[in-house]
PDB file of all heavy atoms in Angstrom:
ATOM      1  N   ARG A   1       4.599  39.508 -15.193  1.00  0.00           N
ATOM      2  CA  ARG A   1       3.474  38.593 -15.487  1.00  0.00           C
ATOM      3  C   ARG A   1       3.718  37.272 -14.779  1.00  0.00           C
ATOM      4  O   ARG A   1       4.851  36.852 -14.589  1.00  0.00           O
ATOM      5  CB  ARG A   1       3.373  38.350 -16.988  1.00  0.00           C
ATOM      6  CG  ARG A   1       2.932  39.567 -17.755  1.00  0.00           C
ATOM      7  CD  ARG A   1       2.845  39.293 -19.235  1.00  0.00           C
ATOM      8  NE  ARG A   1       1.940  38.177 -19.494  1.00  0.00           N
ATOM      9  CZ  ARG A   1       1.854  37.562 -20.661  1.00  0.00           C
ATOM     10  NH1 ARG A   1       2.615  37.923 -21.668  1.00  0.00           N
ATOM     11  NH2 ARG A   1       1.009  36.574 -20.828  1.00  0.00           N
ATOM     12  N   THR A   2       2.639  36.639 -14.398  1.00  0.00           N
ATOM     13  CA  THR A   2       2.744  35.322 -13.783  1.00  0.00           C
ATOM     14  C   THR A   2       1.903  34.322 -14.566  1.00  0.00           C
ATOM     15  O   THR A   2       0.974  34.702 -15.281  1.00  0.00           O
ATOM     16  CB  THR A   2       2.276  35.320 -12.311  1.00  0.00           C
ATOM     17  OG1 THR A   2       0.920  35.782 -12.267  1.00  0.00           O
ATOM     18  CG2 THR A   2       3.151  36.222 -11.463  1.00  0.00           C
ATOM     19  N   PHE A   3       2.256  33.055 -14.417  1.00  0.00           N
ATOM     20  CA  PHE A   3       1.527  31.982 -15.060  1.00  0.00           C
ATOM     21  C   PHE A   3       1.105  30.972 -13.999  1.00  0.00           C
ATOM     22  O   PHE A   3       1.848  30.697 -13.063  1.00  0.00           O
ATOM     23  CB  PHE A   3       2.401  31.266 -16.093  1.00  0.00           C
ATOM     24  CG  PHE A   3       2.750  32.136 -17.265  1.00  0.00           C
ATOM     25  CD1 PHE A   3       3.963  32.790 -17.327  1.00  0.00           C
ATOM     26  CD2 PHE A   3       1.860  32.292 -18.311  1.00  0.00           C
ATOM     27  CE1 PHE A   3       4.280  33.598 -18.398  1.00  0.00           C
ATOM     28  CE2 PHE A   3       2.178  33.095 -19.390  1.00  0.00           C
ATOM     29  CZ  PHE A   3       3.387  33.745 -19.434  1.00  0.00           C
ATOM     30  N   ILE A   4      -0.081  30.447 -14.155  1.00  0.00           N
ATOM     31  CA  ILE A   4      -0.569  29.411 -13.253  1.00  0.00           C
ATOM     32  C   ILE A   4      -0.432  28.069 -13.943  1.00  0.00           C
ATOM     33  O   ILE A   4      -0.863  27.894 -15.083  1.00  0.00           O
ATOM     34  CB  ILE A   4      -2.034  29.663 -12.865  1.00  0.00           C
ATOM     35  CG1 ILE A   4      -2.145  30.973 -12.101  1.00  0.00           C
ATOM     36  CG2 ILE A   4      -2.587  28.502 -12.047  1.00  0.00           C
ATOM     37  CD1 ILE A   4      -3.557  31.429 -11.862  1.00  0.00           C
ATOM     38  N   HIS A   5       0.212  27.136 -13.264  1.00  0.00           N
ATOM     39  CA  HIS A   5       0.389  25.783 -13.769  1.00  0.00           C
ATOM     40  C   HIS A   5      -0.283  24.830 -12.795  1.00  0.00           C
ATOM     41  O   HIS A   5      -0.136  24.958 -11.578  1.00  0.00           O
ATOM     42  CB  HIS A   5       1.871  25.403 -13.838  1.00  0.00           C
ATOM     43  CG  HIS A   5       2.692  26.336 -14.646  1.00  0.00           C
ATOM     44  ND1 HIS A   5       2.855  26.205 -15.990  1.00  0.00           N
ATOM     45  CD2 HIS A   5       3.401  27.426 -14.291  1.00  0.00           C
ATOM     46  CE1 HIS A   5       3.635  27.159 -16.431  1.00  0.00           C
ATOM     47  NE2 HIS A   5       3.974  27.920 -15.426  1.00  0.00           N
ATOM     48  N   TRP A   6      -1.014  23.896 -13.308  1.00  0.00           N
ATOM     49  CA  TRP A   6      -1.571  22.797 -12.507  1.00  0.00           C
ATOM     50  C   TRP A   6      -0.658  21.606 -12.708  1.00  0.00           C
ATOM     51  O   TRP A   6      -0.265  21.311 -13.838  1.00  0.00           O
ATOM     52  CB  TRP A   6      -2.989  22.490 -12.964  1.00  0.00           C
ATOM     53  CG  TRP A   6      -3.922  23.580 -12.614  1.00  0.00           C
ATOM     54  CD1 TRP A   6      -4.181  24.699 -13.360  1.00  0.00           C
ATOM     55  CD2 TRP A   6      -4.703  23.709 -11.438  1.00  0.00           C
ATOM     56  NE1 TRP A   6      -5.081  25.500 -12.718  1.00  0.00           N
ATOM     57  CE2 TRP A   6      -5.429  24.907 -11.528  1.00  0.00           C
ATOM     58  CE3 TRP A   6      -4.878  22.907 -10.313  1.00  0.00           C
ATOM     59  CZ2 TRP A   6      -6.286  25.323 -10.551  1.00  0.00           C
ATOM     60  CZ3 TRP A   6      -5.740  23.324  -9.316  1.00  0.00           C
ATOM     61  CH2 TRP A   6      -6.440  24.514  -9.441  1.00  0.00           C
ATOM     62  N   ARG A   7      -0.277  20.947 -11.596  1.00  0.00           N
ATOM     63  CA  ARG A   7       0.670  19.849 -11.702  1.00  0.00           C
ATOM     64  C   ARG A   7       0.121  18.579 -11.061  1.00  0.00           C
ATOM     65  O   ARG A   7      -0.539  18.633 -10.025  1.00  0.00           O
ATOM     66  CB  ARG A   7       1.989  20.219 -11.011  1.00  0.00           C
ATOM     67  CG  ARG A   7       2.603  21.483 -11.537  1.00  0.00           C
ATOM     68  CD  ARG A   7       3.934  21.794 -10.936  1.00  0.00           C
ATOM     69  NE  ARG A   7       3.878  21.937  -9.488  1.00  0.00           N
ATOM     70  CZ  ARG A   7       4.907  22.280  -8.722  1.00  0.00           C
ATOM     71  NH1 ARG A   7       6.083  22.507  -9.287  1.00  0.00           N
ATOM     72  NH2 ARG A   7       4.765  22.381  -7.425  1.00  0.00           N
ATOM     73  N   LEU A   8       0.413  17.461 -11.705  1.00  0.00           N
ATOM     74  CA  LEU A   8       0.140  16.153 -11.124  1.00  0.00           C
ATOM     75  C   LEU A   8       1.457  15.686 -10.507  1.00  0.00           C
ATOM     76  O   LEU A   8       2.484  15.644 -11.187  1.00  0.00           O
ATOM     77  CB  LEU A   8      -0.318  15.173 -12.197  1.00  0.00           C
ATOM     78  CG  LEU A   8      -0.525  13.724 -11.731  1.00  0.00           C
ATOM     79  CD1 LEU A   8      -1.553  13.641 -10.613  1.00  0.00           C
ATOM     80  CD2 LEU A   8      -0.932  12.854 -12.902  1.00  0.00           C
ATOM     81  N   LEU A   9       1.416  15.377  -9.212  1.00  0.00           N
ATOM     82  CA  LEU A   9       2.606  14.999  -8.484  1.00  0.00           C
ATOM     83  C   LEU A   9       2.513  13.566  -7.990  1.00  0.00           C
ATOM     84  O   LEU A   9       1.464  13.141  -7.486  1.00  0.00           O
ATOM     85  CB  LEU A   9       2.795  15.914  -7.273  1.00  0.00           C
ATOM     86  CG  LEU A   9       2.813  17.424  -7.566  1.00  0.00           C
ATOM     87  CD1 LEU A   9       2.795  18.216  -6.288  1.00  0.00           C
ATOM     88  CD2 LEU A   9       4.023  17.779  -8.419  1.00  0.00           C
ATOM     89  N   ASP A  10       3.595  12.828  -8.121  1.00  0.00           N
ATOM     90  CA  ASP A  10       3.713  11.504  -7.537  1.00  0.00           C
ATOM     91  C   ASP A  10       4.212  11.709  -6.110  1.00  0.00           C
ATOM     92  O   ASP A  10       5.263  12.340  -5.900  1.00  0.00           O
ATOM     93  CB  ASP A  10       4.709  10.671  -8.343  1.00  0.00           C
ATOM     94  CG  ASP A  10       4.671   9.193  -8.024  1.00  0.00           C
ATOM     95  OD1 ASP A  10       3.959   8.807  -7.078  1.00  0.00           O
ATOM     96  OD2 ASP A  10       5.361   8.436  -8.717  1.00  0.00           O
ATOM     97  N   VAL A  11       3.474  11.235  -5.130  1.00  0.00           N
ATOM     98  CA  VAL A  11       3.827  11.413  -3.713  1.00  0.00           C
ATOM     99  C   VAL A  11       4.638  10.197  -3.290  1.00  0.00           C
ATOM    100  O   VAL A  11       4.143   9.071  -3.326  1.00  0.00           O
ATOM    101  CB  VAL A  11       2.565  11.557  -2.837  1.00  0.00           C
ATOM    102  CG1 VAL A  11       2.953  11.743  -1.382  1.00  0.00           C
ATOM    103  CG2 VAL A  11       1.699  12.706  -3.332  1.00  0.00           C
ATOM    104  N   ILE A  12       5.872  10.441  -2.884  1.00  0.00           N
ATOM    105  CA  ILE A  12       6.772   9.359  -2.489  1.00  0.00           C
ATOM    106  C   ILE A  12       7.096   9.528  -1.020  1.00  0.00           C
ATOM    107  O   ILE A  12       7.694  10.529  -0.607  1.00  0.00           O
ATOM    108  CB  ILE A  12       8.039   9.380  -3.340  1.00  0.00           C
ATOM    109  CG1 ILE A  12       7.649   9.248  -4.820  1.00  0.00           C
ATOM    110  CG2 ILE A  12       9.018   8.297  -2.895  1.00  0.00           C
ATOM    111  CD1 ILE A  12       8.699   9.663  -5.780  1.00  0.00           C
ATOM    112  N   GLU A  13       6.669   8.543  -0.215  1.00  0.00           N
ATOM    113  CA  GLU A  13       6.907   8.599   1.218  1.00  0.00           C
ATOM    114  C   GLU A  13       8.346   8.175   1.496  1.00  0.00           C
ATOM    115  O   GLU A  13       8.828   7.181   0.983  1.00  0.00           O
ATOM    116  CB  GLU A  13       5.932   7.683   1.964  1.00  0.00           C
ATOM    117  CG  GLU A  13       5.982   7.861   3.450  1.00  0.00           C
ATOM    118  CD  GLU A  13       4.878   7.108   4.168  1.00  0.00           C
ATOM    119  OE1 GLU A  13       4.010   6.530   3.503  1.00  0.00           O
ATOM    120  OE2 GLU A  13       4.905   7.105   5.388  1.00  0.00           O
ATOM    121  N   GLN A  14       9.022   9.002   2.330  1.00  0.00           N
ATOM    122  CA  GLN A  14      10.390   8.719   2.729  1.00  0.00           C
ATOM    123  C   GLN A  14      10.475   8.713   4.242  1.00  0.00           C
ATOM    124  O   GLN A  14       9.521   9.127   4.919  1.00  0.00           O
ATOM    125  CB  GLN A  14      11.344   9.770   2.165  1.00  0.00           C
ATOM    126  CG  GLN A  14      11.361   9.813   0.643  1.00  0.00           C
ATOM    127  CD  GLN A  14      12.304  10.859   0.110  1.00  0.00           C
ATOM    128  OE1 GLN A  14      12.344  11.971   0.607  1.00  0.00           O
ATOM    129  NE2 GLN A  14      13.054  10.504  -0.914  1.00  0.00           N
ATOM    130  N   ALA A  15      11.578   8.271   4.773  1.00  0.00           N
ATOM    131  CA  ALA A  15      11.752   8.189   6.232  1.00  0.00           C
ATOM    132  C   ALA A  15      11.588   9.548   6.900  1.00  0.00           C
ATOM    133  O   ALA A  15      11.049   9.658   7.999  1.00  0.00           O
ATOM    134  CB  ALA A  15      13.118   7.604   6.573  1.00  0.00           C
ATOM    135  N   ASN A  16      12.006  10.612   6.231  1.00  0.00           N
ATOM    136  CA  ASN A  16      11.959  11.961   6.816  1.00  0.00           C
ATOM    137  C   ASN A  16      10.829  12.817   6.257  1.00  0.00           C
ATOM    138  O   ASN A  16      10.866  14.034   6.347  1.00  0.00           O
ATOM    139  CB  ASN A  16      13.288  12.666   6.629  1.00  0.00           C
ATOM    140  CG  ASN A  16      13.660  12.797   5.159  1.00  0.00           C
ATOM    141  OD1 ASN A  16      13.053  12.197   4.306  1.00  0.00           O
ATOM    142  ND2 ASN A  16      14.679  13.593   4.894  1.00  0.00           N
ATOM    143  N   GLY A  17       9.819  12.206   5.673  1.00  0.00           N
ATOM    144  CA  GLY A  17       8.688  12.978   5.153  1.00  0.00           C
ATOM    145  C   GLY A  17       8.278  12.508   3.768  1.00  0.00           C
ATOM    146  O   GLY A  17       8.285  11.315   3.487  1.00  0.00           O
ATOM    147  N   TYR A  18       7.946  13.462   2.909  1.00  0.00           N
ATOM    148  CA  TYR A  18       7.470  13.142   1.569  1.00  0.00           C
ATOM    149  C   TYR A  18       8.316  13.851   0.532  1.00  0.00           C
ATOM    150  O   TYR A  18       8.834  14.943   0.759  1.00  0.00           O
ATOM    151  CB  TYR A  18       6.012  13.570   1.385  1.00  0.00           C
ATOM    152  CG  TYR A  18       5.071  12.801   2.269  1.00  0.00           C
ATOM    153  CD1 TYR A  18       4.749  13.255   3.547  1.00  0.00           C
ATOM    154  CD2 TYR A  18       4.499  11.617   1.827  1.00  0.00           C
ATOM    155  CE1 TYR A  18       3.894  12.542   4.359  1.00  0.00           C
ATOM    156  CE2 TYR A  18       3.641  10.893   2.624  1.00  0.00           C
ATOM    157  CZ  TYR A  18       3.336  11.359   3.891  1.00  0.00           C
ATOM    158  OH  TYR A  18       2.479  10.646   4.679  1.00  0.00           O
ATOM    159  N   ARG A  19       8.430  13.232  -0.631  1.00  0.00           N
ATOM    160  CA  ARG A  19       9.060  13.858  -1.789  1.00  0.00           C
ATOM    161  C   ARG A  19       8.020  13.851  -2.897  1.00  0.00           C
ATOM    162  O   ARG A  19       7.220  12.924  -3.004  1.00  0.00           O
ATOM    163  CB  ARG A  19      10.289  13.040  -2.189  1.00  0.00           C
ATOM    164  CG  ARG A  19      11.060  13.689  -3.338  1.00  0.00           C
ATOM    165  CD  ARG A  19      12.207  12.837  -3.757  1.00  0.00           C
ATOM    166  NE  ARG A  19      11.641  11.716  -4.507  1.00  0.00           N
ATOM    167  CZ  ARG A  19      12.284  10.602  -4.747  1.00  0.00           C
ATOM    168  NH1 ARG A  19      13.483  10.397  -4.306  1.00  0.00           N
ATOM    169  NH2 ARG A  19      11.702   9.628  -5.462  1.00  0.00           N
ATOM    170  N   TYR A  20       8.029  14.870  -3.705  1.00  0.00           N
ATOM    171  CA  TYR A  20       7.059  14.992  -4.801  1.00  0.00           C
ATOM    172  C   TYR A  20       7.793  15.058  -6.122  1.00  0.00           C
ATOM    173  O   TYR A  20       8.744  15.818  -6.261  1.00  0.00           O
ATOM    174  CB  TYR A  20       6.217  16.258  -4.621  1.00  0.00           C
ATOM    175  CG  TYR A  20       5.439  16.259  -3.332  1.00  0.00           C
ATOM    176  CD1 TYR A  20       5.940  16.904  -2.201  1.00  0.00           C
ATOM    177  CD2 TYR A  20       4.227  15.597  -3.238  1.00  0.00           C
ATOM    178  CE1 TYR A  20       5.234  16.880  -1.005  1.00  0.00           C
ATOM    179  CE2 TYR A  20       3.525  15.578  -2.046  1.00  0.00           C
ATOM    180  CZ  TYR A  20       4.028  16.222  -0.944  1.00  0.00           C
ATOM    181  OH  TYR A  20       3.339  16.201   0.240  1.00  0.00           O
ATOM    182  N   GLU A  21       7.341  14.265  -7.064  1.00  0.00           N
ATOM    183  CA  GLU A  21       7.888  14.310  -8.420  1.00  0.00           C
ATOM    184  C   GLU A  21       6.791  14.745  -9.372  1.00  0.00           C
ATOM    185  O   GLU A  21       5.700  14.193  -9.358  1.00  0.00           O
ATOM    186  CB  GLU A  21       8.420  12.940  -8.816  1.00  0.00           C
ATOM    187  CG  GLU A  21       9.644  12.525  -8.034  1.00  0.00           C
ATOM    188  CD  GLU A  21      10.218  11.193  -8.494  1.00  0.00           C
ATOM    189  OE1 GLU A  21       9.680  10.583  -9.450  1.00  0.00           O
ATOM    190  OE2 GLU A  21      11.215  10.774  -7.889  1.00  0.00           O
ATOM    191  N   VAL A  22       7.096  15.742 -10.192  1.00  0.00           N
ATOM    192  CA  VAL A  22       6.124  16.235 -11.174  1.00  0.00           C
ATOM    193  C   VAL A  22       5.998  15.219 -12.301  1.00  0.00           C
ATOM    194  O   VAL A  22       6.989  14.853 -12.920  1.00  0.00           O
ATOM    195  CB  VAL A  22       6.553  17.613 -11.721  1.00  0.00           C
ATOM    196  CG1 VAL A  22       5.580  18.076 -12.790  1.00  0.00           C
ATOM    197  CG2 VAL A  22       6.668  18.625 -10.602  1.00  0.00           C
ATOM    198  N   ILE A  23       4.779  14.776 -12.533  1.00  0.00           N
ATOM    199  CA  ILE A  23       4.508  13.844 -13.633  1.00  0.00           C
ATOM    200  C   ILE A  23       4.132  14.625 -14.877  1.00  0.00           C
ATOM    201  O   ILE A  23       4.617  14.343 -15.968  1.00  0.00           O
ATOM    202  CB  ILE A  23       3.388  12.854 -13.247  1.00  0.00           C
ATOM    203  CG1 ILE A  23       3.885  11.970 -12.107  1.00  0.00           C
ATOM    204  CG2 ILE A  23       2.962  12.033 -14.442  1.00  0.00           C
ATOM    205  CD1 ILE A  23       2.841  11.041 -11.572  1.00  0.00           C
ATOM    206  N   CYS A  24       3.267  15.629 -14.730  1.00  0.00           N
ATOM    207  CA  CYS A  24       2.881  16.461 -15.862  1.00  0.00           C
ATOM    208  C   CYS A  24       2.318  17.777 -15.332  1.00  0.00           C
ATOM    209  O   CYS A  24       1.987  17.883 -14.149  1.00  0.00           O
ATOM    210  CB  CYS A  24       1.886  15.759 -16.779  1.00  0.00           C
ATOM    211  SG  CYS A  24       0.332  15.313 -15.983  1.00  0.00           S
ATOM    212  N   SER A  25       2.222  18.752 -16.205  1.00  0.00           N
ATOM    213  CA  SER A  25       1.626  20.031 -15.816  1.00  0.00           C
ATOM    214  C   SER A  25       0.844  20.588 -16.996  1.00  0.00           C
ATOM    215  O   SER A  25       1.057  20.200 -18.148  1.00  0.00           O
ATOM    216  CB  SER A  25       2.690  21.030 -15.348  1.00  0.00           C
ATOM    217  OG  SER A  25       3.433  21.511 -16.432  1.00  0.00           O
ATOM    218  N   SER A  26      -0.068  21.496 -16.670  1.00  0.00           N
ATOM    219  CA  SER A  26      -0.929  22.102 -17.684  1.00  0.00           C
ATOM    220  C   SER A  26      -1.454  23.420 -17.155  1.00  0.00           C
ATOM    221  O   SER A  26      -1.543  23.606 -15.924  1.00  0.00           O
ATOM    222  CB  SER A  26      -2.106  21.173 -17.982  1.00  0.00           C
ATOM    223  OG  SER A  26      -3.030  21.786 -18.853  1.00  0.00           O
ATOM    224  N   VAL A  27      -1.814  24.333 -18.023  1.00  0.00           N
ATOM    225  CA  VAL A  27      -2.427  25.589 -17.584  1.00  0.00           C
ATOM    226  C   VAL A  27      -3.899  25.369 -17.253  1.00  0.00           C
ATOM    227  O   VAL A  27      -4.528  26.190 -16.607  1.00  0.00           O
ATOM    228  CB  VAL A  27      -2.277  26.718 -18.629  1.00  0.00           C
ATOM    229  CG1 VAL A  27      -0.818  27.077 -18.800  1.00  0.00           C
ATOM    230  CG2 VAL A  27      -2.889  26.328 -19.966  1.00  0.00           C
ATOM    231  N   ASN A  28      -4.459  24.246 -17.684  1.00  0.00           N
ATOM    232  CA  ASN A  28      -5.842  23.886 -17.410  1.00  0.00           C
ATOM    233  C   ASN A  28      -5.831  22.715 -16.430  1.00  0.00           C
ATOM    234  O   ASN A  28      -5.120  21.735 -16.661  1.00  0.00           O
ATOM    235  CB  ASN A  28      -6.522  23.484 -18.717  1.00  0.00           C
ATOM    236  CG  ASN A  28      -7.973  23.126 -18.569  1.00  0.00           C
ATOM    237  OD1 ASN A  28      -8.446  22.777 -17.486  1.00  0.00           O
ATOM    238  ND2 ASN A  28      -8.688  23.177 -19.669  1.00  0.00           N
ATOM    239  N   PRO A  29      -6.608  22.768 -15.341  1.00  0.00           N
ATOM    240  CA  PRO A  29      -6.532  21.679 -14.353  1.00  0.00           C
ATOM    241  C   PRO A  29      -7.154  20.367 -14.797  1.00  0.00           C
ATOM    242  O   PRO A  29      -6.768  19.309 -14.304  1.00  0.00           O
ATOM    243  CB  PRO A  29      -7.298  22.251 -13.157  1.00  0.00           C
ATOM    244  CG  PRO A  29      -8.245  23.247 -13.730  1.00  0.00           C
ATOM    245  CD  PRO A  29      -7.515  23.834 -14.917  1.00  0.00           C
ATOM    246  N   TYR A  30      -8.089  20.380 -15.704  1.00  0.00           N
ATOM    247  CA  TYR A  30      -8.821  19.153 -16.017  1.00  0.00           C
ATOM    248  C   TYR A  30      -8.011  18.087 -16.733  1.00  0.00           C
ATOM    249  O   TYR A  30      -8.185  16.895 -16.484  1.00  0.00           O
ATOM    250  CB  TYR A  30     -10.148  19.476 -16.687  1.00  0.00           C
ATOM    251  CG  TYR A  30     -11.007  20.178 -15.661  1.00  0.00           C
ATOM    252  CD1 TYR A  30     -11.150  21.560 -15.670  1.00  0.00           C
ATOM    253  CD2 TYR A  30     -11.596  19.467 -14.623  1.00  0.00           C
ATOM    254  CE1 TYR A  30     -11.875  22.208 -14.675  1.00  0.00           C
ATOM    255  CE2 TYR A  30     -12.321  20.102 -13.627  1.00  0.00           C
ATOM    256  CZ  TYR A  30     -12.463  21.476 -13.670  1.00  0.00           C
ATOM    257  OH  TYR A  30     -13.165  22.107 -12.679  1.00  0.00           O
ATOM    258  N   PRO A  31      -7.058  18.434 -17.628  1.00  0.00           N
ATOM    259  CA  PRO A  31      -6.180  17.385 -18.163  1.00  0.00           C
ATOM    260  C   PRO A  31      -5.336  16.724 -17.066  1.00  0.00           C
ATOM    261  O   PRO A  31      -4.970  15.556 -17.186  1.00  0.00           O
ATOM    262  CB  PRO A  31      -5.288  18.135 -19.167  1.00  0.00           C
ATOM    263  CG  PRO A  31      -6.096  19.301 -19.580  1.00  0.00           C
ATOM    264  CD  PRO A  31      -6.892  19.699 -18.354  1.00  0.00           C
ATOM    265  N   ILE A  32      -5.064  17.450 -15.990  1.00  0.00           N
ATOM    266  CA  ILE A  32      -4.315  16.870 -14.865  1.00  0.00           C
ATOM    267  C   ILE A  32      -5.166  15.776 -14.220  1.00  0.00           C
ATOM    268  O   ILE A  32      -4.651  14.702 -13.872  1.00  0.00           O
ATOM    269  CB  ILE A  32      -3.923  17.968 -13.855  1.00  0.00           C
ATOM    270  CG1 ILE A  32      -3.007  19.011 -14.519  1.00  0.00           C
ATOM    271  CG2 ILE A  32      -3.285  17.372 -12.609  1.00  0.00           C
ATOM    272  CD1 ILE A  32      -1.731  18.461 -15.106  1.00  0.00           C
ATOM    273  N   GLY A  33      -6.444  16.034 -14.053  1.00  0.00           N
ATOM    274  CA  GLY A  33      -7.343  15.022 -13.503  1.00  0.00           C
ATOM    275  C   GLY A  33      -7.418  13.801 -14.394  1.00  0.00           C
ATOM    276  O   GLY A  33      -7.410  12.666 -13.912  1.00  0.00           O
ATOM    277  N   GLU A  34      -7.470  14.021 -15.706  1.00  0.00           N
ATOM    278  CA  GLU A  34      -7.509  12.902 -16.640  1.00  0.00           C
ATOM    279  C   GLU A  34      -6.225  12.079 -16.552  1.00  0.00           C
ATOM    280  O   GLU A  34      -6.258  10.845 -16.536  1.00  0.00           O
ATOM    281  CB  GLU A  34      -7.708  13.417 -18.070  1.00  0.00           C
ATOM    282  CG  GLU A  34      -9.060  14.060 -18.292  1.00  0.00           C
ATOM    283  CD  GLU A  34      -9.155  14.823 -19.600  1.00  0.00           C
ATOM    284  OE1 GLU A  34      -8.159  14.820 -20.379  1.00  0.00           O
ATOM    285  OE2 GLU A  34     -10.198  15.413 -19.856  1.00  0.00           O
ATOM    286  N   ALA A  35      -5.095  12.772 -16.460  1.00  0.00           N
ATOM    287  CA  ALA A  35      -3.808  12.069 -16.355  1.00  0.00           C
ATOM    288  C   ALA A  35      -3.743  11.273 -15.058  1.00  0.00           C
ATOM    289  O   ALA A  35      -3.241  10.142 -15.041  1.00  0.00           O
ATOM    290  CB  ALA A  35      -2.659  13.069 -16.422  1.00  0.00           C
ATOM    291  N   LEU A  36      -4.266  11.830 -13.975  1.00  0.00           N
ATOM    292  CA  LEU A  36      -4.264  11.123 -12.703  1.00  0.00           C
ATOM    293  C   LEU A  36      -5.031   9.818 -12.810  1.00  0.00           C
ATOM    294  O   LEU A  36      -4.583   8.770 -12.332  1.00  0.00           O
ATOM    295  CB  LEU A  36      -4.842  11.997 -11.597  1.00  0.00           C
ATOM    296  CG  LEU A  36      -4.668  11.465 -10.183  1.00  0.00           C
ATOM    297  CD1 LEU A  36      -4.619  12.628  -9.203  1.00  0.00           C
ATOM    298  CD2 LEU A  36      -5.743  10.511  -9.774  1.00  0.00           C
ATOM    299  N   ILE A  37      -6.189   9.855 -13.433  1.00  0.00           N
ATOM    300  CA  ILE A  37      -6.991   8.638 -13.614  1.00  0.00           C
ATOM    301  C   ILE A  37      -6.195   7.603 -14.386  1.00  0.00           C
ATOM    302  O   ILE A  37      -6.118   6.429 -13.998  1.00  0.00           O
ATOM    303  CB  ILE A  37      -8.331   8.961 -14.315  1.00  0.00           C
ATOM    304  CG1 ILE A  37      -9.224   9.782 -13.372  1.00  0.00           C
ATOM    305  CG2 ILE A  37      -9.020   7.683 -14.755  1.00  0.00           C
ATOM    306  CD1 ILE A  37     -10.428  10.391 -14.055  1.00  0.00           C
ATOM    307  N   ILE A  38      -5.571   8.011 -15.471  1.00  0.00           N
ATOM    308  CA  ILE A  38      -4.807   7.087 -16.301  1.00  0.00           C
ATOM    309  C   ILE A  38      -3.636   6.487 -15.524  1.00  0.00           C
ATOM    310  O   ILE A  38      -3.432   5.276 -15.515  1.00  0.00           O
ATOM    311  CB  ILE A  38      -4.327   7.785 -17.591  1.00  0.00           C
ATOM    312  CG1 ILE A  38      -5.524   8.104 -18.474  1.00  0.00           C
ATOM    313  CG2 ILE A  38      -3.294   6.943 -18.328  1.00  0.00           C
ATOM    314  CD1 ILE A  38      -5.234   9.075 -19.595  1.00  0.00           C
ATOM    315  N   TYR A  39      -2.862   7.343 -14.850  1.00  0.00           N
ATOM    316  CA  TYR A  39      -1.703   6.847 -14.085  1.00  0.00           C
ATOM    317  C   TYR A  39      -2.148   5.931 -12.961  1.00  0.00           C
ATOM    318  O   TYR A  39      -1.514   4.921 -12.690  1.00  0.00           O
ATOM    319  CB  TYR A  39      -0.881   8.003 -13.537  1.00  0.00           C
ATOM    320  CG  TYR A  39       0.098   8.558 -14.536  1.00  0.00           C
ATOM    321  CD1 TYR A  39      -0.200   9.704 -15.254  1.00  0.00           C
ATOM    322  CD2 TYR A  39       1.309   7.929 -14.764  1.00  0.00           C
ATOM    323  CE1 TYR A  39       0.694  10.217 -16.177  1.00  0.00           C
ATOM    324  CE2 TYR A  39       2.198   8.425 -15.701  1.00  0.00           C
ATOM    325  CZ  TYR A  39       1.901   9.572 -16.401  1.00  0.00           C
ATOM    326  OH  TYR A  39       2.780  10.064 -17.302  1.00  0.00           O
ATOM    327  N   HIS A  40      -3.231   6.286 -12.284  1.00  0.00           N
ATOM    328  CA  HIS A  40      -3.703   5.453 -11.184  1.00  0.00           C
ATOM    329  C   HIS A  40      -4.103   4.058 -11.680  1.00  0.00           C
ATOM    330  O   HIS A  40      -3.734   3.045 -11.083  1.00  0.00           O
ATOM    331  CB  HIS A  40      -4.884   6.108 -10.464  1.00  0.00           C
ATOM    332  CG  HIS A  40      -5.457   5.277  -9.354  1.00  0.00           C
ATOM    333  ND1 HIS A  40      -4.772   5.061  -8.189  1.00  0.00           N
ATOM    334  CD2 HIS A  40      -6.627   4.603  -9.253  1.00  0.00           C
ATOM    335  CE1 HIS A  40      -5.499   4.277  -7.398  1.00  0.00           C
ATOM    336  NE2 HIS A  40      -6.620   3.992  -8.030  1.00  0.00           N
ATOM    337  N   ILE A  41      -4.820   4.015 -12.782  1.00  0.00           N
ATOM    338  CA  ILE A  41      -5.242   2.723 -13.324  1.00  0.00           C
ATOM    339  C   ILE A  41      -4.042   1.915 -13.817  1.00  0.00           C
ATOM    340  O   ILE A  41      -3.944   0.719 -13.560  1.00  0.00           O
ATOM    341  CB  ILE A  41      -6.292   2.928 -14.434  1.00  0.00           C
ATOM    342  CG1 ILE A  41      -7.614   3.418 -13.807  1.00  0.00           C
ATOM    343  CG2 ILE A  41      -6.509   1.644 -15.229  1.00  0.00           C
ATOM    344  CD1 ILE A  41      -8.635   3.875 -14.814  1.00  0.00           C
ATOM    345  N   GLN A  42      -3.088   2.570 -14.473  1.00  0.00           N
ATOM    346  CA  GLN A  42      -1.915   1.862 -14.987  1.00  0.00           C
ATOM    347  C   GLN A  42      -1.009   1.348 -13.883  1.00  0.00           C
ATOM    348  O   GLN A  42      -0.492   0.238 -13.972  1.00  0.00           O
ATOM    349  CB  GLN A  42      -1.105   2.764 -15.913  1.00  0.00           C
ATOM    350  CG  GLN A  42      -1.731   3.006 -17.238  1.00  0.00           C
ATOM    351  CD  GLN A  42      -0.905   3.944 -18.091  1.00  0.00           C
ATOM    352  OE1 GLN A  42      -0.042   4.677 -17.598  1.00  0.00           O
ATOM    353  NE2 GLN A  42      -1.162   3.950 -19.384  1.00  0.00           N
ATOM    354  N   ARG A  43      -0.789   2.139 -12.852  1.00  0.00           N
ATOM    355  CA  ARG A  43       0.226   1.813 -11.853  1.00  0.00           C
ATOM    356  C   ARG A  43      -0.298   1.070 -10.639  1.00  0.00           C
ATOM    357  O   ARG A  43       0.370   0.215 -10.090  1.00  0.00           O
ATOM    358  CB  ARG A  43       0.900   3.093 -11.362  1.00  0.00           C
ATOM    359  CG  ARG A  43       1.735   3.785 -12.404  1.00  0.00           C
ATOM    360  CD  ARG A  43       2.372   4.984 -11.782  1.00  0.00           C
ATOM    361  NE  ARG A  43       3.267   5.635 -12.719  1.00  0.00           N
ATOM    362  CZ  ARG A  43       4.017   6.654 -12.403  1.00  0.00           C
ATOM    363  NH1 ARG A  43       3.993   7.151 -11.183  1.00  0.00           N
ATOM    364  NH2 ARG A  43       4.809   7.203 -13.298  1.00  0.00           N
TER     365      ARG A  43
END
């Protein structure tokens, strides 16, 4: 069996490319969008 996870990632630019840090995940994509709005406004 497999599971699908939607993840909100913080994109961190580095000298040799990008690094991604998982902020949150959900089986439903729409809470990820809500979290993105909140994090964007806060940060």
